[in-house]
Amino acid sequence: MHPQTSEFLNTISSKDTLSADEFRRATREAPTHTDRFYVVFMTLLHLGAIGALFFFSWANLFSAVVLYTISGLGITVGYHRLLTHRSFKTPKWLERLWAFFGTLAIEGGPVTWVGQHRHHHAESDSDFEPHNVRQGFWWAHFFWIFKRYPQWYQQAQKKRFAPDLMKDPVLLWLDRYYYVPSIFLTVGLLAWGGVGAFLWGFCLRAVLMYHATWLVNSAAHIWGYRFWPEELATNNWWVALVSFGEGWHNTHHKHPTSARHGLRAWEIDPSWILIWTMARLGLAKNIKLPATHELPWKQGVSV
């Protein structure tokens, strides 16, 4: 390591907060390693998903579908549109409940997830973002998750990009112990339906949810159509289908705070339908949507 790099890292690793330039340099120069535990965990989880195919039952399928829906909407509605982009507001108890549902996807705690995603938007498709698709499909899809930064960098990322969430003690607890709900879920599945229920309701369901999320980072930056060509992200119908509407990603990158991603009639967005329903029930307010003048098809532009 170059002496200047070593001196820089020694200095910023002890700082409470980093400036934008310091964080970008830290992203480039901080030492990283492959998270072997996560590699083993993902390998075993995928083997469990394959094993689930030998334990089919309608009850097991039902558990997988229900938990896929709950954990998936916990990510899309809870972690993403509510916590990351503040596209709408809910009562605090409901906000925390959505965060709890998000932990069941085993994609990390809410503060960490939000910090990484806001970082992604701040440095989208550049060398400074976590899953830059310009480094290749497979890097953006899942190889990036095995790259582990030092603890001080992870804390700096949360403090820089998610300081609002760090003020909530419940979200901080969920962030630190995000795996605990899944432990109780595992015990419950085994008690309810044995190994088959665990393999379907936990392993296969989690693997499918992981890949649905990862496809937004990979496929929805490569294949599909763009209403806003200046954004590399695309609108991809089959990614939207498996990710509760997150595949309308070109729209999302152009209007990140919009609670609705599928803006055209054919762009089905289940996450938006749920948010709309919560609003009708008085459980969601201050919903953000793009202004009409920001939509090219409202201005007679061919798209």
Protein backbone atom coordinates (compact mmCIF):
# COMPACT_ATOMS: atom_id res chain seq x y z
CA MET A 1 0.00 0.00 0.00
CA HIS A 2 1.27 3.45 -0.92
CA PRO A 3 2.33 5.51 2.15
CA GLN A 4 -0.09 8.32 1.24
CA THR A 5 -2.94 5.81 0.96
CA SER A 6 -2.05 4.30 4.31
CA GLU A 7 -1.92 7.72 5.95
CA PHE A 8 -5.28 8.68 4.40
CA LEU A 9 -6.98 5.49 5.58
CA ASN A 10 -5.55 5.82 9.07
CA THR A 11 -6.92 9.35 9.25
CA ILE A 12 -10.44 8.78 7.95
CA SER A 13 -11.01 5.43 9.68
CA SER A 14 -11.13 7.29 12.99
CA LYS A 15 -13.38 10.13 11.78
CA ASP A 16 -17.02 10.20 12.80
CA THR A 17 -18.31 11.35 9.41
CA LEU A 18 -16.74 11.63 5.98
CA SER A 19 -17.17 14.27 3.31
CA ALA A 20 -18.33 13.25 -0.17
CA ASP A 21 -14.78 13.35 -1.53
CA GLU A 22 -13.38 11.42 1.42
CA PHE A 23 -16.02 8.73 1.06
CA ARG A 24 -15.41 8.38 -2.67
CA ARG A 25 -11.69 8.00 -2.08
CA ALA A 26 -12.34 5.50 0.70
CA THR A 27 -14.54 3.50 -1.67
CA ARG A 28 -11.65 3.29 -4.10
CA GLU A 29 -8.77 2.76 -1.65
CA ALA A 30 -10.12 0.98 1.44
CA PRO A 31 -8.89 -2.62 1.73
CA THR A 32 -11.52 -5.25 0.94
CA HIS A 33 -11.76 -9.01 1.25
CA THR A 34 -14.06 -11.80 0.12
CA ASP A 35 -16.65 -12.61 2.76
CA ARG A 36 -16.12 -16.39 3.00
CA PHE A 37 -18.95 -16.86 5.47
CA TYR A 38 -21.37 -15.27 3.00
CA VAL A 39 -20.02 -17.43 0.17
CA VAL A 40 -20.66 -20.57 2.24
CA PHE A 41 -24.08 -19.31 3.34
CA MET A 42 -25.16 -18.57 -0.23
CA THR A 43 -23.85 -21.92 -1.46
CA LEU A 44 -25.75 -23.85 1.21
CA LEU A 45 -28.88 -21.77 0.62
CA HIS A 46 -28.83 -22.56 -3.11
CA LEU A 47 -28.25 -26.25 -2.39
CA GLY A 48 -31.24 -26.13 -0.06
CA ALA A 49 -33.31 -24.52 -2.83
CA ILE A 50 -32.42 -27.40 -5.16
CA GLY A 51 -33.23 -29.89 -2.41
CA ALA A 52 -36.68 -28.31 -2.01
CA LEU A 53 -37.66 -29.71 -5.40
CA PHE A 54 -37.62 -33.22 -3.87
CA PHE A 55 -40.03 -32.20 -1.10
CA PHE A 56 -42.93 -30.76 -3.07
CA SER A 57 -46.31 -30.44 -1.44
CA TRP A 58 -49.07 -27.89 -1.83
CA ALA A 59 -48.56 -26.82 1.77
CA ASN A 60 -44.86 -26.24 1.18
CA LEU A 61 -45.60 -24.29 -2.00
CA PHE A 62 -48.13 -22.19 -0.09
CA SER A 63 -45.56 -21.33 2.61
CA ALA A 64 -43.04 -20.28 -0.04
CA VAL A 65 -45.53 -18.07 -1.88
CA VAL A 66 -46.78 -16.38 1.28
CA LEU A 67 -43.29 -15.73 2.64
CA TYR A 68 -42.01 -14.60 -0.77
CA THR A 69 -44.81 -12.04 -0.89
CA ILE A 70 -44.33 -10.80 2.68
CA SER A 71 -40.53 -10.58 2.51
CA GLY A 72 -40.56 -9.23 -1.05
CA LEU A 73 -42.98 -6.42 -0.24
CA GLY A 74 -40.95 -5.80 2.91
CA ILE A 75 -38.06 -4.97 0.58
CA THR A 76 -39.91 -3.12 -2.16
CA VAL A 77 -42.47 -1.19 -0.11
CA GLY A 78 -40.61 -1.10 3.21
CA TYR A 79 -36.86 -0.92 2.68
CA HIS A 80 -36.98 0.70 -0.75
CA ARG A 81 -39.86 3.08 -1.33
CA LEU A 82 -40.62 3.95 2.30
CA LEU A 83 -37.27 3.94 4.11
CA THR A 84 -34.80 4.67 1.31
CA HIS A 85 -36.67 7.19 -0.82
CA ARG A 86 -39.33 8.41 1.61
CA SER A 87 -41.88 8.19 -1.22
CA PHE A 88 -44.69 8.24 1.32
CA LYS A 89 -45.23 8.38 5.06
CA THR A 90 -46.84 5.90 7.44
CA PRO A 91 -47.38 5.78 11.20
CA LYS A 92 -44.15 4.87 12.98
CA TRP A 93 -45.47 1.46 14.07
CA LEU A 94 -46.26 0.56 10.45
CA GLU A 95 -42.90 1.82 9.22
CA ARG A 96 -41.18 -0.46 11.71
CA LEU A 97 -43.44 -3.37 10.78
CA TRP A 98 -42.49 -2.97 7.12
CA ALA A 99 -38.83 -2.94 8.17
CA PHE A 100 -39.42 -6.17 10.13
CA PHE A 101 -40.95 -7.79 7.04
CA GLY A 102 -37.90 -6.66 5.06
CA THR A 103 -35.53 -8.49 7.41
CA LEU A 104 -37.23 -11.77 6.44
CA ALA A 105 -35.66 -11.44 2.97
CA ILE A 106 -32.24 -11.81 4.66
CA GLU A 107 -30.78 -8.98 2.57
CA GLY A 108 -29.32 -7.23 5.59
CA GLY A 109 -30.69 -4.81 8.14
CA PRO A 110 -32.76 -1.78 7.15
CA VAL A 111 -30.12 0.86 7.91
CA THR A 112 -27.38 -1.02 6.06
CA TRP A 113 -29.66 -1.74 3.08
CA VAL A 114 -30.82 1.87 2.85
CA GLY A 115 -27.25 3.17 3.16
CA GLN A 116 -26.07 0.94 0.32
CA HIS A 117 -29.02 1.83 -1.90
CA ARG A 118 -28.75 5.58 -1.38
CA HIS A 119 -25.04 5.18 -2.13
CA HIS A 120 -26.02 3.39 -5.36
CA HIS A 121 -28.21 6.30 -6.44
CA ALA A 122 -25.60 8.89 -5.50
CA GLU A 123 -22.96 7.18 -7.66
CA SER A 124 -25.18 5.31 -10.12
CA ASP A 125 -23.36 3.27 -12.79
CA SER A 126 -19.96 4.65 -11.81
CA ASP A 127 -16.85 3.05 -10.33
CA PHE A 128 -17.89 4.36 -6.91
CA GLU A 129 -21.20 2.52 -6.59
CA PRO A 130 -21.60 -0.94 -4.98
CA HIS A 131 -22.97 -2.88 -7.97
CA ASN A 132 -21.85 -1.04 -11.08
CA VAL A 133 -23.31 -2.87 -14.09
CA ARG A 134 -20.47 -1.54 -16.26
CA GLN A 135 -18.30 -4.13 -14.51
CA GLY A 136 -20.42 -6.87 -16.06
CA PHE A 137 -23.75 -8.60 -15.62
CA TRP A 138 -22.58 -11.12 -13.04
CA TRP A 139 -20.82 -8.53 -10.92
CA ALA A 140 -23.95 -6.40 -10.77
CA HIS A 141 -26.12 -9.48 -10.24
CA PHE A 142 -24.42 -11.02 -7.21
CA PHE A 143 -20.61 -11.08 -7.11
CA TRP A 144 -20.62 -7.62 -5.53
CA ILE A 145 -22.27 -8.96 -2.37
CA PHE A 146 -19.18 -10.99 -1.51
CA LYS A 147 -16.93 -7.92 -1.46
CA ARG A 148 -16.58 -6.85 2.16
CA TYR A 149 -15.28 -3.49 3.33
CA PRO A 150 -13.81 -2.87 6.80
CA GLN A 151 -16.19 -2.15 9.66
CA TRP A 152 -15.31 1.55 9.81
CA TYR A 153 -16.25 1.94 6.13
CA GLN A 154 -19.60 0.22 6.65
CA GLN A 155 -20.35 2.56 9.54
CA ALA A 156 -19.27 5.57 7.50
CA GLN A 157 -21.60 4.50 4.69
CA LYS A 158 -24.56 4.35 7.07
CA LYS A 159 -23.71 7.67 8.72
CA ARG A 160 -23.32 9.40 5.38
CA PHE A 161 -26.34 7.96 3.57
CA ALA A 162 -28.78 6.91 6.31
CA PRO A 163 -28.33 9.30 9.25
CA ASP A 164 -32.12 9.70 9.58
CA LEU A 165 -32.63 5.98 10.18
CA MET A 166 -29.83 5.84 12.73
CA LYS A 167 -31.96 8.00 15.02
CA ASP A 168 -34.56 5.22 15.38
CA PRO A 169 -33.54 2.68 18.07
CA VAL A 170 -35.92 0.02 16.71
CA LEU A 171 -34.45 0.25 13.21
CA LEU A 172 -30.95 0.14 14.68
CA TRP A 173 -31.87 -3.02 16.61
CA LEU A 174 -33.31 -4.61 13.48
CA ASP A 175 -30.19 -3.60 11.58
CA ARG A 176 -27.88 -5.25 14.09
CA TYR A 177 -30.00 -8.37 14.61
CA TYR A 178 -31.74 -8.66 11.24
CA TYR A 179 -31.12 -12.43 11.18
CA VAL A 180 -33.00 -13.10 14.42
CA PRO A 181 -36.50 -13.06 12.86
CA SER A 182 -35.31 -15.60 10.30
CA ILE A 183 -34.04 -17.89 13.06
CA PHE A 184 -37.49 -17.90 14.66
CA LEU A 185 -39.03 -18.38 11.21
CA THR A 186 -36.80 -21.40 10.62
CA VAL A 187 -37.82 -22.97 13.92
CA GLY A 188 -41.48 -22.31 13.11
CA LEU A 189 -41.24 -23.86 9.64
CA LEU A 190 -39.51 -26.97 10.96
CA ALA A 191 -42.11 -27.35 13.71
CA TRP A 192 -44.98 -26.81 11.28
CA GLY A 193 -43.95 -28.90 8.29
CA GLY A 194 -40.54 -30.43 8.89
CA VAL A 195 -37.60 -30.30 6.50
CA GLY A 196 -39.79 -29.81 3.43
CA ALA A 197 -41.40 -26.67 4.84
CA PHE A 198 -37.96 -25.28 5.74
CA LEU A 199 -36.52 -25.99 2.28
CA TRP A 200 -39.49 -24.35 0.53
CA GLY A 201 -40.41 -21.60 2.97
CA PHE A 202 -36.85 -20.57 3.75
CA CYS A 203 -34.25 -21.80 1.25
CA LEU A 204 -36.09 -21.77 -2.08
CA ARG A 205 -38.14 -18.72 -1.20
CA ALA A 206 -35.06 -16.75 -0.11
CA VAL A 207 -33.05 -17.75 -3.19
CA LEU A 208 -35.85 -16.67 -5.53
CA MET A 209 -36.20 -13.38 -3.63
CA TYR A 210 -32.45 -12.76 -3.80
CA HIS A 211 -32.36 -13.26 -7.56
CA ALA A 212 -35.46 -11.11 -8.07
CA THR A 213 -33.70 -8.28 -6.20
CA TRP A 214 -30.41 -8.84 -7.99
CA LEU A 215 -32.11 -8.81 -11.41
CA VAL A 216 -33.06 -5.18 -10.75
CA ASN A 217 -29.34 -4.39 -10.41
CA SER A 218 -28.30 -6.44 -13.45
CA ALA A 219 -30.99 -7.22 -16.04
CA ALA A 220 -32.88 -3.97 -15.47
CA HIS A 221 -29.76 -2.04 -16.42
CA ILE A 222 -29.22 -3.99 -19.65
CA TRP A 223 -32.45 -5.26 -21.26
CA GLY A 224 -35.68 -3.36 -21.69
CA TYR A 225 -36.83 0.04 -22.89
CA ARG A 226 -36.06 3.57 -21.73
CA PHE A 227 -38.40 6.53 -21.53
CA TRP A 228 -35.40 8.56 -20.35
CA PRO A 229 -32.37 7.48 -22.43
CA GLU A 230 -29.96 9.49 -20.26
CA GLU A 231 -30.50 6.86 -17.55
CA LEU A 232 -28.74 3.52 -18.07
CA ALA A 233 -31.44 1.64 -16.13
CA THR A 234 -34.25 0.10 -18.17
CA ASN A 235 -37.92 -0.74 -17.77
CA ASN A 236 -38.10 -4.52 -17.89
CA TRP A 237 -41.48 -6.27 -17.65
CA TRP A 238 -40.27 -9.70 -16.56
CA VAL A 239 -38.07 -8.23 -13.81
CA ALA A 240 -41.08 -6.19 -12.67
CA LEU A 241 -43.15 -9.37 -12.65
CA VAL A 242 -40.91 -11.17 -10.12
CA SER A 243 -40.00 -8.11 -8.05
CA PHE A 244 -43.40 -6.56 -7.30
CA GLY A 245 -42.90 -3.71 -9.77
CA GLU A 246 -39.24 -2.86 -9.17
CA GLY A 247 -38.37 -3.71 -12.78
CA TRP A 248 -39.68 -0.35 -14.03
CA HIS A 249 -36.21 0.83 -13.21
CA ASN A 250 -35.64 3.50 -15.84
CA THR A 251 -38.60 5.37 -14.42
CA HIS A 252 -37.29 4.85 -10.90
CA HIS A 253 -33.84 6.24 -11.68
CA LYS A 254 -35.36 9.30 -13.31
CA HIS A 255 -37.87 9.81 -10.47
CA PRO A 256 -36.35 8.03 -7.46
CA THR A 257 -38.73 9.49 -4.90
CA SER A 258 -41.86 8.44 -6.79
CA ALA A 259 -43.97 5.89 -4.90
CA ARG A 260 -45.19 4.58 -8.24
CA HIS A 261 -42.66 3.04 -10.64
CA GLY A 262 -45.00 1.65 -13.30
CA LEU A 263 -46.46 4.84 -14.77
CA ARG A 264 -48.02 3.52 -17.99
CA ALA A 265 -51.21 1.45 -18.04
CA TRP A 266 -49.37 -1.74 -18.98
CA GLU A 267 -46.66 -1.31 -16.34
CA ILE A 268 -48.20 -3.33 -13.51
CA ASP A 269 -46.74 -2.26 -10.17
CA PRO A 270 -48.00 -4.36 -7.21
CA SER A 271 -45.97 -2.33 -4.71
CA TRP A 272 -47.70 0.85 -5.86
CA ILE A 273 -51.11 -0.85 -5.68
CA LEU A 274 -50.38 -1.73 -2.05
CA ILE A 275 -49.24 1.83 -1.25
CA TRP A 276 -52.37 3.20 -2.95
CA THR A 277 -54.50 0.81 -0.87
CA MET A 278 -52.78 1.89 2.34
CA ALA A 279 -53.49 5.51 1.42
CA ARG A 280 -57.19 4.73 0.95
CA LEU A 281 -57.20 3.11 4.39
CA GLY A 282 -55.57 6.18 5.95
CA LEU A 283 -52.27 4.35 6.56
CA ALA A 284 -50.15 6.24 4.01
CA LYS A 285 -49.92 9.95 3.23
CA ASN A 286 -47.65 12.52 1.57
CA ILE A 287 -47.32 10.24 -1.44
CA LYS A 288 -44.83 11.52 -3.99
CA LEU A 289 -45.44 11.15 -7.73
CA PRO A 290 -43.88 12.76 -10.83
CA ALA A 291 -45.51 15.93 -12.08
CA THR A 292 -47.43 15.65 -15.35
CA HIS A 293 -45.01 17.97 -17.16
CA GLU A 294 -42.18 15.55 -16.32
CA LEU A 295 -43.76 12.70 -18.32
CA PRO A 296 -42.81 12.76 -22.02
CA TRP A 297 -45.94 10.89 -23.19
CA LYS A 298 -48.07 13.66 -21.66
CA GLN A 299 -46.29 16.16 -23.88
CA GLY A 300 -46.97 14.38 -27.15
CA VAL A 301 -43.44 12.97 -27.33
CA SER A 302 -43.24 9.51 -28.90
CA VAL A 303 -41.94 6.96 -26.37
